[in-house]
Amino acid sequence: MRLLLHICCGPCSLYPLSRLRRDGLEPVGYFFNPNIHPYMEFERRVNALREVAKEFDLLVKWQADYGLREWMDVMGTACLPEDRCPKCYRMRLEATAREAVDGGFDAFSSTLLYSRYQQHDKIRKVGKEVASRFKIDFFYEDFRKGWVEGIEMARELGIYRQPYCGCIFSEAERYLKRAHRLGNLLRSGDGPGA
């Protein structure tokens, strides 16, 4: 089976790649992630995946244009994870399915299925819908079982591991408590420069 594997980042590709190879599959990677913000984060993820590709002799097809503007157009004001994430999954999986069909692949999948922080059931649902629409198979496997193994592999390689999914909304959410504390501090008159 020829499999095109959507890859969100280098660290998340490690376990799925090793797992697929153990099963005798040799996936081709596909990098399409217009959700990543800011640009420096995008660049870090590209470089981390380049390291993985070199280390593991992985062929990667790159859609490396910084597509944040197009992603924002699709997202609109869908700020909540339950609204925005399925839209983001669909955008990336549709691009992967299209690339897979154009490249003569038998199936497509995604390293999004590795992350404990993603909405796994929604990825699977969107993947199946996209597969049906593009008339190609969606290869499903719950790669989360290799979460710890993948983290250990990334640490051994010394590659960059990101602290959030990559989107501007997720980045904002990881700072909300901190921002709230600072806001309270400033409102109380005890903040910096008070």
N, C-alpha and C. Protein backbone atom coordinates (compact mmCIF):
# COMPACT_ATOMS: atom_id res chain seq x y z
N MET A 1 0.85 -1.19 0.00
CA MET A 1 0.00 0.00 0.00
C MET A 1 0.89 1.24 0.00
N ARG A 2 0.61 2.16 -0.88
CA ARG A 2 1.30 3.45 -0.91
C ARG A 2 0.51 4.41 -0.03
N LEU A 3 1.17 4.93 1.01
CA LEU A 3 0.51 5.76 2.01
C LEU A 3 1.13 7.14 2.06
N LEU A 4 0.30 8.17 1.96
CA LEU A 4 0.75 9.55 2.15
C LEU A 4 0.37 9.94 3.57
N LEU A 5 1.37 10.31 4.34
CA LEU A 5 1.18 10.61 5.76
C LEU A 5 1.29 12.11 6.00
N HIS A 6 0.17 12.74 6.29
CA HIS A 6 0.21 14.16 6.67
C HIS A 6 1.02 14.26 7.95
N ILE A 7 1.99 15.17 7.97
CA ILE A 7 2.85 15.34 9.15
C ILE A 7 2.70 16.76 9.65
N CYS A 8 2.30 16.88 10.91
CA CYS A 8 2.12 18.20 11.51
C CYS A 8 3.43 18.77 12.03
N CYS A 9 4.37 17.88 12.41
CA CYS A 9 5.66 18.33 12.94
C CYS A 9 6.60 17.13 13.05
N GLY A 10 7.88 17.40 13.20
CA GLY A 10 8.86 16.33 13.30
C GLY A 10 8.63 15.38 14.46
N PRO A 11 8.49 15.89 15.70
CA PRO A 11 8.33 14.99 16.85
C PRO A 11 7.11 14.07 16.73
N CYS A 12 6.01 14.60 16.21
CA CYS A 12 4.79 13.79 16.10
C CYS A 12 4.89 12.74 15.00
N SER A 13 5.89 12.84 14.14
CA SER A 13 6.04 11.86 13.07
C SER A 13 6.83 10.63 13.51
N LEU A 14 7.57 10.74 14.59
CA LEU A 14 8.52 9.70 14.96
C LEU A 14 7.87 8.35 15.26
N TYR A 15 6.89 8.35 16.16
CA TYR A 15 6.26 7.07 16.49
C TYR A 15 5.45 6.52 15.31
N PRO A 16 4.58 7.34 14.68
CA PRO A 16 3.84 6.78 13.53
C PRO A 16 4.75 6.22 12.45
N LEU A 17 5.84 6.92 12.15
CA LEU A 17 6.77 6.44 11.13
C LEU A 17 7.38 5.09 11.53
N SER A 18 7.84 4.99 12.78
CA SER A 18 8.44 3.72 13.21
C SER A 18 7.39 2.62 13.24
N ARG A 19 6.19 2.93 13.67
CA ARG A 19 5.11 1.94 13.74
C ARG A 19 4.74 1.43 12.35
N LEU A 20 4.58 2.36 11.41
CA LEU A 20 4.22 1.97 10.04
C LEU A 20 5.32 1.14 9.40
N ARG A 21 6.56 1.52 9.64
CA ARG A 21 7.67 0.75 9.08
C ARG A 21 7.75 -0.65 9.68
N ARG A 22 7.43 -0.78 10.96
CA ARG A 22 7.40 -2.12 11.57
C ARG A 22 6.38 -3.01 10.89
N ASP A 23 5.32 -2.38 10.37
CA ASP A 23 4.27 -3.14 9.67
C ASP A 23 4.58 -3.32 8.18
N GLY A 24 5.76 -2.90 7.76
CA GLY A 24 6.16 -3.09 6.38
C GLY A 24 5.71 -1.99 5.43
N LEU A 25 5.20 -0.90 5.96
CA LEU A 25 4.78 0.22 5.12
C LEU A 25 5.90 1.26 5.06
N GLU A 26 6.01 1.91 3.93
CA GLU A 26 7.00 2.98 3.78
C GLU A 26 6.24 4.24 3.36
N PRO A 27 5.74 4.98 4.34
CA PRO A 27 4.96 6.17 4.00
C PRO A 27 5.82 7.27 3.39
N VAL A 28 5.16 8.12 2.64
CA VAL A 28 5.75 9.36 2.17
C VAL A 28 5.11 10.45 3.01
N GLY A 29 5.91 11.35 3.54
CA GLY A 29 5.38 12.43 4.36
C GLY A 29 4.82 13.56 3.52
N TYR A 30 3.89 14.29 4.10
CA TYR A 30 3.31 15.47 3.44
C TYR A 30 3.16 16.56 4.49
N PHE A 31 3.88 17.65 4.32
CA PHE A 31 3.83 18.76 5.25
C PHE A 31 2.93 19.85 4.69
N PHE A 32 1.77 20.02 5.32
CA PHE A 32 0.83 21.09 4.98
C PHE A 32 0.19 21.54 6.28
N ASN A 33 0.61 22.69 6.78
CA ASN A 33 0.17 23.16 8.09
C ASN A 33 0.04 24.68 8.11
N PRO A 34 -0.98 25.21 7.42
CA PRO A 34 -1.14 26.66 7.36
C PRO A 34 -1.61 27.27 8.68
N ASN A 35 -1.91 26.43 9.64
CA ASN A 35 -2.40 26.88 10.95
C ASN A 35 -1.30 27.43 11.84
N ILE A 36 -0.05 27.15 11.53
CA ILE A 36 1.03 27.45 12.46
C ILE A 36 1.36 28.94 12.50
N HIS A 37 1.40 29.46 13.71
CA HIS A 37 1.65 30.87 13.97
C HIS A 37 2.50 31.00 15.22
N PRO A 38 3.43 31.90 15.30
CA PRO A 38 3.88 32.85 14.28
C PRO A 38 4.83 32.17 13.29
N TYR A 39 5.34 32.96 12.35
CA TYR A 39 6.19 32.41 11.31
C TYR A 39 7.42 31.70 11.88
N MET A 40 8.00 32.24 12.94
CA MET A 40 9.18 31.60 13.53
C MET A 40 8.86 30.19 14.03
N GLU A 41 7.65 29.97 14.51
CA GLU A 41 7.22 28.63 14.93
C GLU A 41 7.11 27.72 13.71
N PHE A 42 6.57 28.26 12.64
CA PHE A 42 6.45 27.52 11.38
C PHE A 42 7.84 27.06 10.92
N GLU A 43 8.78 27.98 10.96
CA GLU A 43 10.16 27.69 10.56
C GLU A 43 10.79 26.61 11.45
N ARG A 44 10.56 26.69 12.76
CA ARG A 44 11.09 25.68 13.68
C ARG A 44 10.56 24.29 13.35
N ARG A 45 9.28 24.23 13.03
CA ARG A 45 8.67 22.93 12.73
C ARG A 45 9.16 22.36 11.41
N VAL A 46 9.33 23.23 10.43
CA VAL A 46 9.90 22.79 9.16
C VAL A 46 11.30 22.22 9.39
N ASN A 47 12.12 22.95 10.14
CA ASN A 47 13.49 22.50 10.39
C ASN A 47 13.53 21.20 11.18
N ALA A 48 12.64 21.04 12.16
CA ALA A 48 12.60 19.80 12.93
C ALA A 48 12.21 18.62 12.04
N LEU A 49 11.26 18.83 11.14
CA LEU A 49 10.86 17.74 10.24
C LEU A 49 11.98 17.46 9.23
N ARG A 50 12.69 18.46 8.80
CA ARG A 50 13.83 18.22 7.90
C ARG A 50 14.87 17.33 8.58
N GLU A 51 15.09 17.57 9.89
CA GLU A 51 16.03 16.73 10.65
C GLU A 51 15.54 15.28 10.71
N VAL A 52 14.25 15.11 11.00
CA VAL A 52 13.67 13.76 11.06
C VAL A 52 13.79 13.09 9.70
N ALA A 53 13.45 13.81 8.64
CA ALA A 53 13.49 13.24 7.29
C ALA A 53 14.91 12.78 6.95
N LYS A 54 15.89 13.58 7.31
CA LYS A 54 17.29 13.22 7.03
C LYS A 54 17.71 12.01 7.86
N GLU A 55 17.39 12.05 9.16
CA GLU A 55 17.79 10.97 10.08
C GLU A 55 17.16 9.63 9.71
N PHE A 56 15.91 9.66 9.23
CA PHE A 56 15.17 8.42 8.98
C PHE A 56 14.94 8.14 7.50
N ASP A 57 15.62 8.89 6.64
CA ASP A 57 15.51 8.69 5.20
C ASP A 57 14.04 8.68 4.77
N LEU A 58 13.35 9.73 5.16
CA LEU A 58 11.93 9.86 4.86
C LEU A 58 11.73 10.86 3.73
N LEU A 59 11.06 10.44 2.69
CA LEU A 59 10.71 11.34 1.61
C LEU A 59 9.53 12.20 2.08
N VAL A 60 9.67 13.51 1.95
CA VAL A 60 8.61 14.43 2.36
C VAL A 60 8.24 15.34 1.19
N LYS A 61 6.95 15.43 0.93
CA LYS A 61 6.43 16.41 -0.02
C LYS A 61 6.08 17.65 0.80
N TRP A 62 6.59 18.78 0.37
CA TRP A 62 6.44 20.01 1.15
C TRP A 62 5.44 20.95 0.52
N GLN A 63 4.46 21.34 1.28
CA GLN A 63 3.61 22.47 0.92
C GLN A 63 3.98 23.53 1.95
N ALA A 64 5.12 24.12 1.74
CA ALA A 64 5.76 24.92 2.78
C ALA A 64 5.47 26.42 2.67
N ASP A 65 4.54 26.80 1.81
CA ASP A 65 4.16 28.22 1.79
C ASP A 65 3.51 28.54 3.13
N TYR A 66 3.79 29.72 3.61
CA TYR A 66 3.19 30.14 4.88
C TYR A 66 1.75 30.56 4.60
N GLY A 67 0.81 29.66 4.84
CA GLY A 67 -0.59 29.86 4.44
C GLY A 67 -1.50 30.39 5.53
N LEU A 68 -0.96 31.16 6.45
CA LEU A 68 -1.77 31.62 7.59
C LEU A 68 -2.99 32.43 7.15
N ARG A 69 -2.83 33.27 6.16
CA ARG A 69 -3.96 34.11 5.72
C ARG A 69 -5.13 33.25 5.23
N GLU A 70 -4.82 32.23 4.43
CA GLU A 70 -5.88 31.33 3.94
C GLU A 70 -6.51 30.56 5.09
N TRP A 71 -5.68 30.14 6.04
CA TRP A 71 -6.20 29.40 7.20
C TRP A 71 -7.14 30.29 8.01
N MET A 72 -6.76 31.54 8.22
CA MET A 72 -7.61 32.48 8.97
C MET A 72 -8.93 32.70 8.24
N ASP A 73 -8.91 32.76 6.91
CA ASP A 73 -10.15 32.91 6.13
C ASP A 73 -11.08 31.73 6.39
N VAL A 74 -10.53 30.51 6.47
CA VAL A 74 -11.34 29.32 6.72
C VAL A 74 -11.86 29.32 8.16
N MET A 75 -11.01 29.70 9.09
CA MET A 75 -11.38 29.67 10.51
C MET A 75 -12.41 30.74 10.85
N GLY A 76 -12.30 31.90 10.26
CA GLY A 76 -13.19 32.99 10.63
C GLY A 76 -13.05 33.29 12.11
N THR A 77 -14.17 33.36 12.79
CA THR A 77 -14.14 33.67 14.23
C THR A 77 -14.36 32.41 15.08
N ALA A 78 -14.07 31.25 14.52
CA ALA A 78 -14.25 29.99 15.24
C ALA A 78 -13.15 29.83 16.29
N CYS A 79 -13.31 30.52 17.40
CA CYS A 79 -12.26 30.56 18.42
C CYS A 79 -12.24 29.33 19.32
N LEU A 80 -13.37 28.74 19.59
CA LEU A 80 -13.43 27.62 20.52
C LEU A 80 -12.91 26.34 19.85
N PRO A 81 -12.16 25.53 20.60
CA PRO A 81 -11.58 24.31 20.01
C PRO A 81 -12.61 23.41 19.33
N GLU A 82 -13.81 23.31 19.90
CA GLU A 82 -14.81 22.42 19.30
C GLU A 82 -15.31 22.95 17.96
N ASP A 83 -15.12 24.25 17.70
CA ASP A 83 -15.50 24.83 16.42
C ASP A 83 -14.32 24.87 15.44
N ARG A 84 -13.19 25.31 15.93
CA ARG A 84 -12.06 25.55 15.02
C ARG A 84 -11.31 24.27 14.64
N CYS A 85 -11.11 23.36 15.58
CA CYS A 85 -10.27 22.19 15.29
C CYS A 85 -10.81 21.33 14.15
N PRO A 86 -12.11 20.99 14.13
CA PRO A 86 -12.59 20.20 12.99
C PRO A 86 -12.41 20.91 11.65
N LYS A 87 -12.55 22.23 11.63
CA LYS A 87 -12.32 22.99 10.38
C LYS A 87 -10.86 22.87 9.97
N CYS A 88 -9.97 22.97 10.95
CA CYS A 88 -8.54 22.88 10.68
C CYS A 88 -8.17 21.47 10.21
N TYR A 89 -8.71 20.45 10.87
CA TYR A 89 -8.46 19.07 10.46
C TYR A 89 -8.91 18.88 9.01
N ARG A 90 -10.10 19.37 8.72
CA ARG A 90 -10.65 19.19 7.37
C ARG A 90 -9.76 19.86 6.33
N MET A 91 -9.33 21.08 6.61
CA MET A 91 -8.49 21.81 5.65
C MET A 91 -7.22 21.02 5.35
N ARG A 92 -6.58 20.52 6.39
CA ARG A 92 -5.31 19.81 6.20
C ARG A 92 -5.52 18.42 5.61
N LEU A 93 -6.56 17.72 6.04
CA LEU A 93 -6.79 16.37 5.50
C LEU A 93 -7.29 16.42 4.06
N GLU A 94 -8.06 17.44 3.70
CA GLU A 94 -8.47 17.58 2.30
C GLU A 94 -7.26 17.82 1.40
N ALA A 95 -6.35 18.67 1.84
CA ALA A 95 -5.13 18.92 1.06
C ALA A 95 -4.31 17.63 0.93
N THR A 96 -4.26 16.85 1.99
CA THR A 96 -3.50 15.59 1.97
C THR A 96 -4.17 14.59 1.03
N ALA A 97 -5.49 14.47 1.11
CA ALA A 97 -6.20 13.54 0.24
C ALA A 97 -6.03 13.94 -1.23
N ARG A 98 -6.13 15.22 -1.50
CA ARG A 98 -5.95 15.72 -2.87
C ARG A 98 -4.54 15.36 -3.38
N GLU A 99 -3.55 15.61 -2.53
CA GLU A 99 -2.16 15.28 -2.90
C GLU A 99 -2.00 13.77 -3.09
N ALA A 100 -2.66 12.98 -2.26
CA ALA A 100 -2.57 11.52 -2.36
C ALA A 100 -3.19 11.03 -3.67
N VAL A 101 -4.35 11.54 -4.00
CA VAL A 101 -5.00 11.15 -5.25
C VAL A 101 -4.13 11.55 -6.43
N ASP A 102 -3.66 12.79 -6.43
CA ASP A 102 -2.82 13.28 -7.54
C ASP A 102 -1.53 12.48 -7.66
N GLY A 103 -1.01 11.98 -6.54
CA GLY A 103 0.24 11.24 -6.55
C GLY A 103 0.08 9.74 -6.71
N GLY A 104 -1.14 9.26 -6.88
CA GLY A 104 -1.37 7.84 -7.10
C GLY A 104 -1.21 6.98 -5.85
N PHE A 105 -1.41 7.57 -4.68
CA PHE A 105 -1.33 6.82 -3.43
C PHE A 105 -2.62 6.02 -3.23
N ASP A 106 -2.51 4.98 -2.40
CA ASP A 106 -3.68 4.15 -2.09
C ASP A 106 -4.47 4.68 -0.91
N ALA A 107 -3.78 5.40 -0.02
CA ALA A 107 -4.42 5.86 1.21
C ALA A 107 -3.66 7.06 1.76
N PHE A 108 -4.29 7.72 2.71
CA PHE A 108 -3.65 8.82 3.42
C PHE A 108 -3.95 8.69 4.90
N SER A 109 -3.12 9.31 5.71
CA SER A 109 -3.31 9.32 7.15
C SER A 109 -2.69 10.59 7.70
N SER A 110 -2.62 10.70 9.02
CA SER A 110 -2.07 11.91 9.63
C SER A 110 -1.43 11.62 10.97
N THR A 111 -0.35 12.34 11.25
CA THR A 111 0.28 12.25 12.56
C THR A 111 -0.55 12.97 13.61
N LEU A 112 -1.60 13.65 13.22
CA LEU A 112 -2.52 14.23 14.20
C LEU A 112 -3.09 13.12 15.09
N LEU A 113 -3.12 11.90 14.56
CA LEU A 113 -3.64 10.75 15.31
C LEU A 113 -2.67 10.31 16.42
N TYR A 114 -1.52 10.93 16.50
CA TYR A 114 -0.54 10.62 17.55
C TYR A 114 -0.76 11.47 18.80
N SER A 115 -1.25 12.68 18.64
CA SER A 115 -1.30 13.62 19.75
C SER A 115 -2.42 13.33 20.74
N ARG A 116 -2.06 13.34 22.01
CA ARG A 116 -3.05 13.22 23.08
C ARG A 116 -3.87 14.50 23.23
N TYR A 117 -3.42 15.57 22.63
CA TYR A 117 -4.07 16.86 22.80
C TYR A 117 -5.05 17.19 21.69
N GLN A 118 -5.09 16.39 20.65
CA GLN A 118 -6.01 16.63 19.55
C GLN A 118 -7.33 15.89 19.80
N GLN A 119 -8.36 16.30 19.09
CA GLN A 119 -9.69 15.69 19.21
C GLN A 119 -9.75 14.46 18.29
N HIS A 120 -9.26 13.37 18.83
CA HIS A 120 -9.02 12.15 18.05
C HIS A 120 -10.26 11.68 17.29
N ASP A 121 -11.40 11.60 17.96
CA ASP A 121 -12.62 11.11 17.30
C ASP A 121 -13.01 12.01 16.13
N LYS A 122 -12.78 13.30 16.28
CA LYS A 122 -13.13 14.23 15.19
C LYS A 122 -12.16 14.09 14.03
N ILE A 123 -10.89 13.83 14.31
CA ILE A 123 -9.92 13.60 13.23
C ILE A 123 -10.35 12.38 12.43
N ARG A 124 -10.71 11.33 13.15
CA ARG A 124 -11.12 10.09 12.48
C ARG A 124 -12.37 10.32 11.64
N LYS A 125 -13.35 11.02 12.19
CA LYS A 125 -14.59 11.30 11.47
C LYS A 125 -14.33 12.12 10.22
N VAL A 126 -13.56 13.20 10.37
CA VAL A 126 -13.24 14.06 9.23
C VAL A 126 -12.43 13.27 8.20
N GLY A 127 -11.47 12.47 8.66
CA GLY A 127 -10.67 11.66 7.74
C GLY A 127 -11.53 10.74 6.88
N LYS A 128 -12.50 10.10 7.50
CA LYS A 128 -13.39 9.20 6.76
C LYS A 128 -14.26 9.97 5.76
N GLU A 129 -14.76 11.14 6.18
CA GLU A 129 -15.58 11.96 5.28
C GLU A 129 -14.77 12.43 4.08
N VAL A 130 -13.57 12.88 4.35
CA VAL A 130 -12.69 13.36 3.27
C VAL A 130 -12.34 12.20 2.34
N ALA A 131 -12.05 11.04 2.90
CA ALA A 131 -11.73 9.86 2.10
C ALA A 131 -12.87 9.50 1.15
N SER A 132 -14.08 9.54 1.68
CA SER A 132 -15.25 9.23 0.87
C SER A 132 -15.39 10.24 -0.28
N ARG A 133 -15.21 11.48 0.04
CA ARG A 133 -15.34 12.56 -0.97
C ARG A 133 -14.29 12.43 -2.08
N PHE A 134 -13.04 12.08 -1.68
CA PHE A 134 -11.96 11.99 -2.66
C PHE A 134 -11.76 10.58 -3.22
N LYS A 135 -12.59 9.64 -2.75
CA LYS A 135 -12.54 8.26 -3.22
C LYS A 135 -11.14 7.64 -3.05
N ILE A 136 -10.66 7.73 -1.83
CA ILE A 136 -9.38 7.16 -1.44
C ILE A 136 -9.53 6.66 -0.01
N ASP A 137 -8.74 5.72 0.43
CA ASP A 137 -8.84 5.19 1.78
C ASP A 137 -8.17 6.12 2.80
N PHE A 138 -8.80 6.21 3.96
CA PHE A 138 -8.19 6.89 5.09
C PHE A 138 -7.64 5.80 5.99
N PHE A 139 -6.33 5.79 6.18
CA PHE A 139 -5.68 4.79 7.02
C PHE A 139 -5.76 5.28 8.47
N TYR A 140 -6.51 4.53 9.26
CA TYR A 140 -6.67 4.92 10.65
C TYR A 140 -5.87 4.00 11.55
N GLU A 141 -5.13 4.62 12.46
CA GLU A 141 -4.52 3.89 13.58
C GLU A 141 -4.41 4.86 14.74
N ASP A 142 -4.69 4.37 15.92
CA ASP A 142 -4.57 5.20 17.12
C ASP A 142 -3.10 5.18 17.54
N PHE A 143 -2.36 6.18 17.06
CA PHE A 143 -0.93 6.26 17.35
C PHE A 143 -0.64 6.78 18.76
N ARG A 144 -1.67 7.17 19.50
CA ARG A 144 -1.45 7.72 20.84
C ARG A 144 -0.80 6.70 21.77
N LYS A 145 -0.97 5.43 21.48
CA LYS A 145 -0.37 4.41 22.35
C LYS A 145 1.15 4.52 22.36
N GLY A 146 1.74 5.20 21.37
CA GLY A 146 3.18 5.38 21.32
C GLY A 146 3.63 6.76 21.77
N TRP A 147 2.77 7.46 22.50
CA TRP A 147 3.04 8.83 22.94
C TRP A 147 4.39 8.95 23.66
N VAL A 148 4.60 8.14 24.66
CA VAL A 148 5.83 8.23 25.45
C VAL A 148 7.04 7.83 24.60
N GLU A 149 6.89 6.80 23.81
CA GLU A 149 7.98 6.36 22.94
C GLU A 149 8.39 7.48 21.98
N GLY A 150 7.41 8.16 21.41
CA GLY A 150 7.70 9.26 20.49
C GLY A 150 8.42 10.42 21.17
N ILE A 151 8.00 10.74 22.39
CA ILE A 151 8.66 11.82 23.14
C ILE A 151 10.11 11.43 23.43
N GLU A 152 10.33 10.20 23.83
CA GLU A 152 11.70 9.74 24.11
C GLU A 152 12.56 9.80 22.86
N MET A 153 11.99 9.41 21.73
CA MET A 153 12.74 9.46 20.47
C MET A 153 13.13 10.90 20.13
N ALA A 154 12.18 11.83 20.31
CA ALA A 154 12.45 13.25 20.00
C ALA A 154 13.55 13.79 20.91
N ARG A 155 13.49 13.42 22.18
CA ARG A 155 14.52 13.88 23.12
C ARG A 155 15.90 13.32 22.75
N GLU A 156 15.94 12.05 22.38
CA GLU A 156 17.21 11.44 21.99
C GLU A 156 17.81 12.14 20.77
N LEU A 157 16.95 12.53 19.84
CA LEU A 157 17.42 13.23 18.65
C LEU A 157 17.74 14.70 18.92
N GLY A 158 17.20 15.22 20.02
CA GLY A 158 17.42 16.62 20.35
C GLY A 158 16.69 17.57 19.42
N ILE A 159 15.56 17.14 18.88
CA ILE A 159 14.82 18.03 17.98
C ILE A 159 13.80 18.85 18.74
N TYR A 160 13.46 19.97 18.16
CA TYR A 160 12.53 20.91 18.76
C TYR A 160 11.17 20.26 18.97
N ARG A 161 10.66 20.37 20.20
CA ARG A 161 9.30 19.91 20.55
C ARG A 161 8.48 21.13 20.90
N GLN A 162 7.41 21.33 20.21
CA GLN A 162 6.58 22.51 20.36
C GLN A 162 5.67 22.42 21.58
N PRO A 163 5.34 23.59 22.17
CA PRO A 163 4.50 23.59 23.37
C PRO A 163 3.00 23.78 23.10
N TYR A 164 2.59 23.85 21.84
CA TYR A 164 1.16 24.03 21.51
C TYR A 164 0.91 23.54 20.10
N CYS A 165 -0.36 23.42 19.71
CA CYS A 165 -0.68 22.84 18.40
C CYS A 165 -0.14 23.66 17.25
N GLY A 166 0.01 24.94 17.47
CA GLY A 166 0.56 25.79 16.42
C GLY A 166 -0.34 26.95 16.05
N CYS A 167 -1.64 26.84 16.31
CA CYS A 167 -2.52 27.92 15.86
C CYS A 167 -2.53 29.07 16.86
N ILE A 168 -2.90 30.23 16.37
CA ILE A 168 -2.90 31.45 17.18
C ILE A 168 -3.86 31.32 18.37
N PHE A 169 -4.97 30.62 18.16
CA PHE A 169 -5.94 30.45 19.24
C PHE A 169 -5.36 29.58 20.35
N SER A 170 -4.70 28.50 19.96
CA SER A 170 -4.07 27.61 20.94
C SER A 170 -2.96 28.32 21.69
N GLU A 171 -2.20 29.12 20.95
CA GLU A 171 -1.12 29.88 21.60
C GLU A 171 -1.71 30.83 22.64
N ALA A 172 -2.80 31.50 22.29
CA ALA A 172 -3.45 32.42 23.24
C ALA A 172 -3.96 31.67 24.46
N GLU A 173 -4.56 30.49 24.24
CA GLU A 173 -5.11 29.71 25.35
C GLU A 173 -4.05 29.28 26.35
N ARG A 174 -2.84 29.00 25.87
CA ARG A 174 -1.82 28.55 26.81
C ARG A 174 -1.33 29.68 27.70
N TYR A 175 -1.65 30.93 27.36
CA TYR A 175 -1.26 32.07 28.18
C TYR A 175 -2.42 32.71 28.93
N LEU A 176 -3.63 32.18 28.81
CA LEU A 176 -4.80 32.82 29.41
C LEU A 176 -4.69 33.00 30.92
N LYS A 177 -4.28 31.97 31.65
CA LYS A 177 -4.17 32.10 33.11
C LYS A 177 -3.15 33.16 33.48
N ARG A 178 -2.02 33.13 32.79
CA ARG A 178 -0.97 34.10 33.04
C ARG A 178 -1.45 35.52 32.74
N ALA A 179 -2.15 35.68 31.63
CA ALA A 179 -2.68 36.99 31.24
C ALA A 179 -3.73 37.46 32.24
N HIS A 180 -4.54 36.53 32.71
CA HIS A 180 -5.57 36.87 33.69
C HIS A 180 -4.92 37.37 34.99
N ARG A 181 -3.88 36.67 35.44
CA ARG A 181 -3.17 37.10 36.66
C ARG A 181 -2.56 38.49 36.48
N LEU A 182 -1.95 38.73 35.32
CA LEU A 182 -1.35 40.04 35.07
C LEU A 182 -2.43 41.11 35.02
N GLY A 183 -3.55 40.81 34.39
CA GLY A 183 -4.67 41.75 34.32
C GLY A 183 -5.17 42.11 35.71
N ASN A 184 -5.32 41.10 36.56
CA ASN A 184 -5.74 41.36 37.94
C ASN A 184 -4.73 42.21 38.68
N LEU A 185 -3.48 41.93 38.46
CA LEU A 185 -2.41 42.68 39.11
C LEU A 185 -2.44 44.14 38.67
N LEU A 186 -2.61 44.36 37.39
CA LEU A 186 -2.65 45.73 36.88
C LEU A 186 -3.90 46.48 37.36
N ARG A 187 -5.04 45.78 37.39
CA ARG A 187 -6.27 46.42 37.87
C ARG A 187 -6.17 46.77 39.36
N SER A 188 -5.40 46.01 40.11
CA SER A 188 -5.28 46.27 41.56
C SER A 188 -4.28 47.40 41.86
N GLY A 189 -3.57 47.84 40.82
CA GLY A 189 -2.60 48.91 41.02
C GLY A 189 -1.25 48.40 41.49
N ASP A 190 -1.07 47.07 41.55
CA ASP A 190 0.20 46.51 42.01
C ASP A 190 1.09 46.05 40.86
N GLY A 191 0.71 46.34 39.64
CA GLY A 191 1.46 45.85 38.50
C GLY A 191 2.76 46.58 38.27
N PRO A 192 3.50 46.14 37.28
CA PRO A 192 4.77 46.78 36.94
C PRO A 192 4.56 48.27 36.63
N GLY A 193 5.41 49.09 37.19
CA GLY A 193 5.34 50.54 36.95
C GLY A 193 4.27 51.24 37.75
N ALA A 194 3.61 50.52 38.67
CA ALA A 194 2.53 51.15 39.45
C ALA A 194 3.09 52.09 40.49
